[in-house]
């Protein structure tokens, strides 16, 4: 299920348009730049999630052996 959400933008097209025209857009980025930035953020967050999953797989200790 995690693979389905990986790489998807966290903001909708409507949210990007709203932000483009809001006072919060202090650097006056246009819609193309905002789309690119949203895509980059989605990709980077996906890569970070994959790294965290790999780290958990290798470094979490299991239950001690009872014997």
C-alpha atoms as a PDB file:
ATOM      1  CA  UNK A   1       0.000   0.000   0.000  1.00  0.00           C
ATOM      2  CA  UNK A   2       2.899   2.395   0.675  1.00  0.00           C
ATOM      3  CA  UNK A   3       3.964   2.238  -2.977  1.00  0.00           C
ATOM      4  CA  UNK A   4       0.644   3.765  -4.017  1.00  0.00           C
ATOM      5  CA  UNK A   5       1.280   7.015  -2.159  1.00  0.00           C
ATOM      6  CA  UNK A   6       4.978   7.336  -2.968  1.00  0.00           C
ATOM      7  CA  UNK A   7       5.782  10.192  -5.304  1.00  0.00           C
ATOM      8  CA  UNK A   8       2.308  11.771  -5.314  1.00  0.00           C
ATOM      9  CA  UNK A   9       2.011  15.495  -4.763  1.00  0.00           C
ATOM     10  CA  UNK A  10       0.810  16.444  -1.321  1.00  0.00           C
ATOM     11  CA  UNK A  11      -1.070  19.470  -2.682  1.00  0.00           C
ATOM     12  CA  UNK A  12      -3.877  19.435  -5.217  1.00  0.00           C
ATOM     13  CA  UNK A  13      -3.845  21.602  -8.341  1.00  0.00           C
ATOM     14  CA  UNK A  14      -6.462  23.882  -6.740  1.00  0.00           C
ATOM     15  CA  UNK A  15      -4.283  24.314  -3.644  1.00  0.00           C
ATOM     16  CA  UNK A  16      -1.282  25.201  -5.798  1.00  0.00           C
ATOM     17  CA  UNK A  17      -3.310  27.806  -7.709  1.00  0.00           C
ATOM     18  CA  UNK A  18      -4.650  29.264  -4.462  1.00  0.00           C
ATOM     19  CA  UNK A  19      -1.133  29.500  -3.041  1.00  0.00           C
ATOM     20  CA  UNK A  20       0.225  31.072  -6.251  1.00  0.00           C
ATOM     21  CA  UNK A  21      -2.099  34.056  -5.799  1.00  0.00           C
ATOM     22  CA  UNK A  22      -1.865  34.300  -2.013  1.00  0.00           C
ATOM     23  CA  UNK A  23       0.322  36.694  -0.014  1.00  0.00           C
ATOM     24  CA  UNK A  24       2.161  33.613   1.322  1.00  0.00           C
ATOM     25  CA  UNK A  25       3.837  33.271  -2.090  1.00  0.00           C
ATOM     26  CA  UNK A  26       6.550  35.710  -1.053  1.00  0.00           C
ATOM     27  CA  UNK A  27       8.993  34.642  -3.759  1.00  0.00           C
ATOM     28  CA  UNK A  28       6.366  35.188  -6.510  1.00  0.00           C
ATOM     29  CA  UNK A  29       6.740  31.720  -7.974  1.00  0.00           C
ATOM     30  CA  UNK A  30       4.531  30.932 -10.918  1.00  0.00           C
ATOM     31  CA  UNK A  31       2.359  27.852 -11.222  1.00  0.00           C
ATOM     32  CA  UNK A  32       4.938  25.902 -13.235  1.00  0.00           C
ATOM     33  CA  UNK A  33       7.586  26.517 -10.563  1.00  0.00           C
ATOM     34  CA  UNK A  34       5.157  25.565  -7.795  1.00  0.00           C
ATOM     35  CA  UNK A  35       4.230  22.330  -9.579  1.00  0.00           C
ATOM     36  CA  UNK A  36       7.920  21.484  -9.953  1.00  0.00           C
ATOM     37  CA  UNK A  37       8.605  22.262  -6.307  1.00  0.00           C
ATOM     38  CA  UNK A  38       5.631  20.145  -5.194  1.00  0.00           C
ATOM     39  CA  UNK A  39       6.856  17.256  -7.351  1.00  0.00           C
ATOM     40  CA  UNK A  40      10.369  17.559  -5.947  1.00  0.00           C
ATOM     41  CA  UNK A  41       9.003  17.586  -2.396  1.00  0.00           C
ATOM     42  CA  UNK A  42       6.921  14.469  -3.107  1.00  0.00           C
ATOM     43  CA  UNK A  43       9.924  12.649  -4.531  1.00  0.00           C
ATOM     44  CA  UNK A  44      12.224  13.641  -1.666  1.00  0.00           C
ATOM     45  CA  UNK A  45       9.673  12.663   0.968  1.00  0.00           C
ATOM     46  CA  UNK A  46       9.221   9.300  -0.765  1.00  0.00           C
ATOM     47  CA  UNK A  47      12.961   8.678  -0.798  1.00  0.00           C
ATOM     48  CA  UNK A  48      13.192   9.615   2.880  1.00  0.00           C
ATOM     49  CA  UNK A  49      10.372   7.214   3.718  1.00  0.00           C
ATOM     50  CA  UNK A  50      12.130   4.416   1.840  1.00  0.00           C
ATOM     51  CA  UNK A  51      15.375   5.135   3.696  1.00  0.00           C
ATOM     52  CA  UNK A  52      13.552   5.074   7.039  1.00  0.00           C
ATOM     53  CA  UNK A  53      11.915   1.758   6.165  1.00  0.00           C
ATOM     54  CA  UNK A  54      15.293   0.270   5.230  1.00  0.00           C
ATOM     55  CA  UNK A  55      16.880   1.594   8.442  1.00  0.00           C
ATOM     56  CA  UNK A  56      14.108   0.017  10.528  1.00  0.00           C
ATOM     57  CA  UNK A  57      14.599  -3.266   8.730  1.00  0.00           C
ATOM     58  CA  UNK A  58      18.309  -3.410   9.476  1.00  0.00           C
ATOM     59  CA  UNK A  59      18.684  -1.772  12.857  1.00  0.00           C
ATOM     60  CA  UNK A  60      15.691  -2.722  15.005  1.00  0.00           C
ATOM     61  CA  UNK A  61      16.551  -5.480  17.392  1.00  0.00           C
ATOM     62  CA  UNK A  62      14.278  -8.447  17.631  1.00  0.00           C
ATOM     63  CA  UNK A  63      13.097 -10.277  20.697  1.00  0.00           C
ATOM     64  CA  UNK A  64      15.879 -11.974  22.621  1.00  0.00           C
ATOM     65  CA  UNK A  65      16.047 -15.717  22.128  1.00  0.00           C
ATOM     66  CA  UNK A  66      14.535 -17.651  24.980  1.00  0.00           C
ATOM     67  CA  UNK A  67      16.331 -20.816  25.552  1.00  0.00           C
END
